Amino acid sequence: MARQGDPEDWAPTITLLRALRGWSQTQLAEASGVDKSQISRYEQGREVPSPRTQERLAAAVGLPPVLLATMTAFIHRLREAMAGQGSAAAELPDSTGLSPETKRTVLEALDRAAFQARAELRLRARS
């Protein structure tokens, strides 16, 4: 199966996987069997992990692989909203049961987290 998606969307997804466990790139590499340099390329937004690698990364942190695709799609929508190309709030299903105020709070927090993750990745890429 071909690699799908935008590397810039996958960068915060992979970083978030590590953050959920509090792991370094080395720890994620060891747990998933994916080379640390490859994880670095994903986090720098230079490459998209193959479907098999996505499965390995998800398994390493204890998440179902389908959740990675969902996370990445959500990050893509956030990036579009941040660029003024759409509204991430409009993309959230009503079935979440969240009030409009809660949705806005959650999206603002996610926007800040995505911004911070991207800033960290840029700093690391310069080092």
N, C-alpha and C. Protein backbone atom coordinates (compact mmCIF):
# COMPACT_ATOMS: atom_id res chain seq x y z
N MET A 1 0.84 -1.17 0.00
CA MET A 1 0.00 0.00 0.00
C MET A 1 0.89 1.25 0.00
N ALA A 2 0.50 2.25 -0.75
CA ALA A 2 1.29 3.47 -0.88
C ALA A 2 1.18 4.33 0.38
N ARG A 3 2.21 5.13 0.58
CA ARG A 3 2.19 6.07 1.70
C ARG A 3 1.24 7.20 1.35
N GLN A 4 0.40 7.54 2.31
CA GLN A 4 -0.59 8.58 2.05
C GLN A 4 -0.48 9.66 3.09
N GLY A 5 -0.79 10.87 2.66
CA GLY A 5 -0.83 11.99 3.59
C GLY A 5 0.29 12.96 3.36
N ASP A 6 0.21 14.03 4.09
CA ASP A 6 1.18 15.11 4.02
C ASP A 6 2.20 14.92 5.14
N PRO A 7 3.48 14.92 4.83
CA PRO A 7 4.49 14.77 5.89
C PRO A 7 4.35 15.81 7.00
N GLU A 8 3.88 17.01 6.63
CA GLU A 8 3.70 18.06 7.64
C GLU A 8 2.57 17.74 8.61
N ASP A 9 1.63 16.89 8.20
CA ASP A 9 0.57 16.45 9.11
C ASP A 9 1.06 15.30 9.98
N TRP A 10 1.92 14.48 9.44
CA TRP A 10 2.43 13.34 10.20
C TRP A 10 3.44 13.76 11.25
N ALA A 11 4.14 14.86 11.05
CA ALA A 11 5.16 15.30 12.01
C ALA A 11 4.58 15.45 13.42
N PRO A 12 3.52 16.24 13.62
CA PRO A 12 2.99 16.34 14.99
C PRO A 12 2.31 15.06 15.47
N THR A 13 1.83 14.23 14.55
CA THR A 13 1.22 12.97 14.95
C THR A 13 2.26 12.07 15.63
N ILE A 14 3.41 11.93 15.01
CA ILE A 14 4.46 11.07 15.57
C ILE A 14 5.00 11.67 16.86
N THR A 15 5.15 12.99 16.89
CA THR A 15 5.60 13.66 18.11
C THR A 15 4.60 13.43 19.24
N LEU A 16 3.32 13.51 18.92
CA LEU A 16 2.28 13.28 19.92
C LEU A 16 2.32 11.85 20.44
N LEU A 17 2.57 10.89 19.58
CA LEU A 17 2.68 9.50 20.04
C LEU A 17 3.74 9.38 21.13
N ARG A 18 4.88 9.99 20.87
CA ARG A 18 5.96 9.94 21.88
C ARG A 18 5.55 10.66 23.15
N ALA A 19 4.92 11.84 22.99
CA ALA A 19 4.54 12.64 24.15
C ALA A 19 3.53 11.90 25.04
N LEU A 20 2.65 11.13 24.42
CA LEU A 20 1.66 10.38 25.19
C LEU A 20 2.33 9.41 26.16
N ARG A 21 3.46 8.90 25.79
CA ARG A 21 4.21 7.97 26.65
C ARG A 21 5.37 8.65 27.39
N GLY A 22 5.67 9.89 27.02
CA GLY A 22 6.80 10.58 27.63
C GLY A 22 8.13 9.99 27.17
N TRP A 23 8.14 9.49 25.93
CA TRP A 23 9.31 8.80 25.39
C TRP A 23 10.17 9.72 24.54
N SER A 24 11.42 9.35 24.48
CA SER A 24 12.35 9.98 23.54
C SER A 24 12.19 9.27 22.19
N GLN A 25 12.83 9.82 21.17
CA GLN A 25 12.82 9.15 19.87
C GLN A 25 13.46 7.77 19.98
N THR A 26 14.49 7.67 20.78
CA THR A 26 15.18 6.38 20.96
C THR A 26 14.24 5.36 21.58
N GLN A 27 13.47 5.77 22.58
CA GLN A 27 12.55 4.84 23.23
C GLN A 27 11.46 4.39 22.28
N LEU A 28 10.93 5.32 21.48
CA LEU A 28 9.92 4.93 20.49
C LEU A 28 10.53 3.99 19.46
N ALA A 29 11.74 4.28 19.04
CA ALA A 29 12.42 3.42 18.07
C ALA A 29 12.58 2.00 18.62
N GLU A 30 13.03 1.90 19.86
CA GLU A 30 13.23 0.59 20.47
C GLU A 30 11.91 -0.17 20.62
N ALA A 31 10.87 0.53 21.03
CA ALA A 31 9.57 -0.12 21.26
C ALA A 31 8.90 -0.55 19.96
N SER A 32 9.15 0.20 18.89
CA SER A 32 8.47 -0.07 17.62
C SER A 32 9.30 -0.87 16.62
N GLY A 33 10.62 -0.88 16.83
CA GLY A 33 11.50 -1.52 15.86
C GLY A 33 11.74 -0.66 14.62
N VAL A 34 11.41 0.62 14.72
CA VAL A 34 11.64 1.57 13.63
C VAL A 34 12.91 2.33 13.95
N ASP A 35 13.77 2.50 12.97
CA ASP A 35 15.04 3.18 13.18
C ASP A 35 14.83 4.59 13.71
N LYS A 36 15.64 4.99 14.68
CA LYS A 36 15.53 6.32 15.28
C LYS A 36 15.68 7.43 14.24
N SER A 37 16.56 7.25 13.28
CA SER A 37 16.74 8.28 12.26
C SER A 37 15.48 8.42 11.41
N GLN A 38 14.77 7.33 11.22
CA GLN A 38 13.52 7.38 10.46
C GLN A 38 12.46 8.14 11.25
N ILE A 39 12.38 7.87 12.55
CA ILE A 39 11.43 8.60 13.39
C ILE A 39 11.74 10.09 13.34
N SER A 40 13.00 10.43 13.36
CA SER A 40 13.40 11.83 13.26
C SER A 40 12.92 12.45 11.95
N ARG A 41 13.06 11.73 10.85
CA ARG A 41 12.58 12.25 9.55
C ARG A 41 11.07 12.47 9.54
N TYR A 42 10.34 11.55 10.20
CA TYR A 42 8.89 11.72 10.29
C TYR A 42 8.56 12.99 11.08
N GLU A 43 9.23 13.16 12.22
CA GLU A 43 8.95 14.30 13.08
C GLU A 43 9.39 15.62 12.47
N GLN A 44 10.31 15.58 11.57
CA GLN A 44 10.74 16.79 10.87
C GLN A 44 9.83 17.11 9.69
N GLY A 45 8.86 16.24 9.43
CA GLY A 45 7.95 16.46 8.32
C GLY A 45 8.59 16.21 6.97
N ARG A 46 9.59 15.32 6.96
CA ARG A 46 10.30 15.03 5.71
C ARG A 46 9.76 13.79 5.01
N GLU A 47 9.10 12.90 5.75
CA GLU A 47 8.59 11.66 5.17
C GLU A 47 7.30 11.24 5.85
N VAL A 48 6.54 10.41 5.14
CA VAL A 48 5.32 9.81 5.67
C VAL A 48 5.62 8.35 5.98
N PRO A 49 5.26 7.88 7.18
CA PRO A 49 5.49 6.47 7.46
C PRO A 49 4.61 5.57 6.59
N SER A 50 5.16 4.43 6.19
CA SER A 50 4.38 3.46 5.42
C SER A 50 3.26 2.91 6.30
N PRO A 51 2.24 2.34 5.69
CA PRO A 51 1.17 1.74 6.50
C PRO A 51 1.70 0.71 7.52
N ARG A 52 2.66 -0.09 7.12
CA ARG A 52 3.24 -1.08 8.05
C ARG A 52 3.94 -0.39 9.22
N THR A 53 4.66 0.69 8.93
CA THR A 53 5.35 1.42 9.99
C THR A 53 4.34 2.10 10.90
N GLN A 54 3.26 2.60 10.33
CA GLN A 54 2.20 3.21 11.15
C GLN A 54 1.66 2.17 12.13
N GLU A 55 1.46 0.96 11.66
CA GLU A 55 0.98 -0.11 12.54
C GLU A 55 1.97 -0.39 13.66
N ARG A 56 3.24 -0.42 13.32
CA ARG A 56 4.28 -0.69 14.33
C ARG A 56 4.34 0.42 15.38
N LEU A 57 4.24 1.67 14.92
CA LEU A 57 4.28 2.80 15.85
C LEU A 57 3.06 2.80 16.77
N ALA A 58 1.90 2.54 16.20
CA ALA A 58 0.67 2.49 17.00
C ALA A 58 0.76 1.37 18.04
N ALA A 59 1.19 0.20 17.60
CA ALA A 59 1.30 -0.93 18.52
C ALA A 59 2.28 -0.63 19.66
N ALA A 60 3.35 0.06 19.33
CA ALA A 60 4.37 0.36 20.34
C ALA A 60 3.81 1.21 21.47
N VAL A 61 2.92 2.14 21.15
CA VAL A 61 2.36 3.00 22.19
C VAL A 61 1.02 2.49 22.72
N GLY A 62 0.51 1.40 22.13
CA GLY A 62 -0.72 0.79 22.62
C GLY A 62 -1.99 1.40 22.08
N LEU A 63 -1.93 1.93 20.86
CA LEU A 63 -3.11 2.50 20.22
C LEU A 63 -3.50 1.68 19.00
N PRO A 64 -4.79 1.66 18.66
CA PRO A 64 -5.18 0.99 17.42
C PRO A 64 -4.66 1.79 16.22
N PRO A 65 -4.16 1.12 15.19
CA PRO A 65 -3.59 1.82 14.03
C PRO A 65 -4.56 2.81 13.38
N VAL A 66 -5.85 2.51 13.38
CA VAL A 66 -6.80 3.42 12.75
C VAL A 66 -6.80 4.78 13.45
N LEU A 67 -6.44 4.80 14.71
CA LEU A 67 -6.41 6.06 15.44
C LEU A 67 -5.33 7.00 14.91
N LEU A 68 -4.23 6.45 14.40
CA LEU A 68 -3.18 7.30 13.83
C LEU A 68 -3.70 8.06 12.62
N ALA A 69 -4.42 7.38 11.75
CA ALA A 69 -4.98 8.04 10.57
C ALA A 69 -5.98 9.11 10.98
N THR A 70 -6.78 8.81 12.01
CA THR A 70 -7.75 9.78 12.50
C THR A 70 -7.04 11.00 13.09
N MET A 71 -6.01 10.75 13.89
CA MET A 71 -5.24 11.86 14.48
C MET A 71 -4.62 12.72 13.39
N THR A 72 -4.06 12.08 12.39
CA THR A 72 -3.39 12.81 11.32
C THR A 72 -4.40 13.63 10.51
N ALA A 73 -5.57 13.07 10.26
CA ALA A 73 -6.61 13.82 9.55
C ALA A 73 -7.06 15.02 10.36
N PHE A 74 -7.17 14.85 11.66
CA PHE A 74 -7.56 15.96 12.52
C PHE A 74 -6.49 17.04 12.51
N ILE A 75 -5.24 16.64 12.58
CA ILE A 75 -4.14 17.60 12.53
C ILE A 75 -4.17 18.36 11.21
N HIS A 76 -4.46 17.66 10.12
CA HIS A 76 -4.57 18.32 8.83
C HIS A 76 -5.67 19.39 8.87
N ARG A 77 -6.81 19.06 9.44
CA ARG A 77 -7.90 20.04 9.54
C ARG A 77 -7.49 21.21 10.42
N LEU A 78 -6.77 20.94 11.50
CA LEU A 78 -6.29 22.03 12.35
C LEU A 78 -5.35 22.95 11.58
N ARG A 79 -4.45 22.35 10.82
CA ARG A 79 -3.51 23.17 10.04
C ARG A 79 -4.25 24.03 9.03
N GLU A 80 -5.28 23.47 8.39
CA GLU A 80 -6.08 24.25 7.45
C GLU A 80 -6.77 25.41 8.16
N ALA A 81 -7.33 25.13 9.34
CA ALA A 81 -8.02 26.17 10.08
C ALA A 81 -7.04 27.27 10.51
N MET A 82 -5.85 26.86 10.94
CA MET A 82 -4.85 27.84 11.36
C MET A 82 -4.38 28.69 10.20
N ALA A 83 -4.43 28.15 9.00
CA ALA A 83 -4.02 28.89 7.81
C ALA A 83 -5.18 29.69 7.22
N GLY A 84 -6.33 29.64 7.90
CA GLY A 84 -7.49 30.38 7.43
C GLY A 84 -8.19 29.74 6.26
N GLN A 85 -7.95 28.43 6.05
CA GLN A 85 -8.54 27.73 4.91
C GLN A 85 -9.78 26.94 5.29
N GLY A 86 -10.18 27.03 6.51
CA GLY A 86 -11.35 26.28 6.93
C GLY A 86 -11.52 26.37 8.42
N SER A 87 -12.57 25.79 8.91
CA SER A 87 -12.85 25.81 10.33
C SER A 87 -12.75 24.40 10.89
N ALA A 88 -11.81 24.20 11.80
CA ALA A 88 -11.68 22.88 12.42
C ALA A 88 -12.92 22.56 13.24
N ALA A 89 -13.52 23.57 13.85
CA ALA A 89 -14.72 23.32 14.67
C ALA A 89 -15.85 22.77 13.83
N ALA A 90 -15.97 23.25 12.60
CA ALA A 90 -17.04 22.76 11.73
C ALA A 90 -16.81 21.31 11.35
N GLU A 91 -15.57 20.84 11.44
CA GLU A 91 -15.24 19.46 11.07
C GLU A 91 -15.48 18.49 12.22
N LEU A 92 -15.64 18.99 13.45
CA LEU A 92 -15.88 18.09 14.56
C LEU A 92 -17.32 17.59 14.50
N PRO A 93 -17.53 16.29 14.61
CA PRO A 93 -18.90 15.77 14.54
C PRO A 93 -19.71 16.20 15.75
N ASP A 94 -20.99 16.40 15.55
CA ASP A 94 -21.88 16.76 16.64
C ASP A 94 -22.00 15.63 17.65
N SER A 95 -21.71 14.41 17.21
CA SER A 95 -21.83 13.25 18.08
C SER A 95 -20.82 13.24 19.22
N THR A 96 -19.90 14.21 19.24
CA THR A 96 -18.94 14.27 20.34
C THR A 96 -19.63 14.58 21.65
N GLY A 97 -20.81 15.23 21.57
CA GLY A 97 -21.53 15.59 22.78
C GLY A 97 -20.97 16.80 23.48
N LEU A 98 -20.00 17.47 22.85
CA LEU A 98 -19.39 18.64 23.45
C LEU A 98 -20.20 19.88 23.13
N SER A 99 -20.29 20.76 24.10
CA SER A 99 -20.96 22.04 23.86
C SER A 99 -20.08 22.87 22.93
N PRO A 100 -20.65 23.85 22.26
CA PRO A 100 -19.82 24.71 21.39
C PRO A 100 -18.67 25.37 22.14
N GLU A 101 -18.91 25.76 23.38
CA GLU A 101 -17.84 26.38 24.18
C GLU A 101 -16.72 25.40 24.46
N THR A 102 -17.09 24.16 24.78
CA THR A 102 -16.09 23.13 25.06
C THR A 102 -15.31 22.80 23.79
N LYS A 103 -16.01 22.68 22.66
CA LYS A 103 -15.32 22.43 21.39
C LYS A 103 -14.29 23.51 21.13
N ARG A 104 -14.70 24.76 21.32
CA ARG A 104 -13.78 25.87 21.07
C ARG A 104 -12.57 25.79 22.00
N THR A 105 -12.80 25.49 23.28
CA THR A 105 -11.70 25.37 24.24
C THR A 105 -10.74 24.24 23.84
N VAL A 106 -11.31 23.10 23.47
CA VAL A 106 -10.49 21.96 23.06
C VAL A 106 -9.68 22.31 21.81
N LEU A 107 -10.31 22.92 20.83
CA LEU A 107 -9.61 23.27 19.60
C LEU A 107 -8.52 24.31 19.84
N GLU A 108 -8.78 25.25 20.72
CA GLU A 108 -7.75 26.24 21.05
C GLU A 108 -6.56 25.57 21.72
N ALA A 109 -6.82 24.63 22.62
CA ALA A 109 -5.74 23.90 23.28
C ALA A 109 -4.95 23.07 22.27
N LEU A 110 -5.66 22.43 21.35
CA LEU A 110 -4.99 21.64 20.32
C LEU A 110 -4.18 22.54 19.39
N ASP A 111 -4.72 23.70 19.07
CA ASP A 111 -3.98 24.64 18.24
C ASP A 111 -2.66 25.04 18.92
N ARG A 112 -2.74 25.35 20.22
CA ARG A 112 -1.52 25.73 20.96
C ARG A 112 -0.54 24.56 20.99
N ALA A 113 -1.04 23.35 21.24
CA ALA A 113 -0.16 22.18 21.29
C ALA A 113 0.49 21.92 19.95
N ALA A 114 -0.29 22.04 18.88
CA ALA A 114 0.27 21.83 17.54
C ALA A 114 1.32 22.89 17.23
N PHE A 115 1.05 24.13 17.60
CA PHE A 115 2.01 25.21 17.37
C PHE A 115 3.31 24.94 18.13
N GLN A 116 3.19 24.54 19.40
CA GLN A 116 4.37 24.26 20.21
C GLN A 116 5.16 23.08 19.66
N ALA A 117 4.47 22.04 19.23
CA ALA A 117 5.16 20.87 18.67
C ALA A 117 5.91 21.25 17.40
N ARG A 118 5.28 22.03 16.54
CA ARG A 118 5.94 22.45 15.30
C ARG A 118 7.14 23.35 15.60
N ALA A 119 7.00 24.23 16.60
CA ALA A 119 8.11 25.10 16.96
C ALA A 119 9.29 24.27 17.47
N GLU A 120 8.99 23.27 18.28
CA GLU A 120 10.05 22.39 18.78
C GLU A 120 10.71 21.63 17.65
N LEU A 121 9.93 21.17 16.71
CA LEU A 121 10.49 20.44 15.57
C LEU A 121 11.39 21.34 14.75
N ARG A 122 10.99 22.59 14.55
CA ARG A 122 11.83 23.53 13.80
C ARG A 122 13.15 23.76 14.53
N LEU A 123 13.09 23.92 15.86
CA LEU A 123 14.31 24.12 16.63
C LEU A 123 15.23 22.91 16.51
N ARG A 124 14.66 21.74 16.61
CA ARG A 124 15.46 20.51 16.50
C ARG A 124 16.06 20.35 15.11
N ALA A 125 15.31 20.76 14.10
CA ALA A 125 15.80 20.64 12.73
C ALA A 125 17.00 21.56 12.49
N ARG A 126 17.04 22.68 13.20
CA ARG A 126 18.16 23.63 13.07
C ARG A 126 19.41 23.17 13.79
N SER A 127 19.22 22.29 14.81
CA SER A 127 20.39 21.85 15.61
C SER A 127 21.22 20.82 14.90
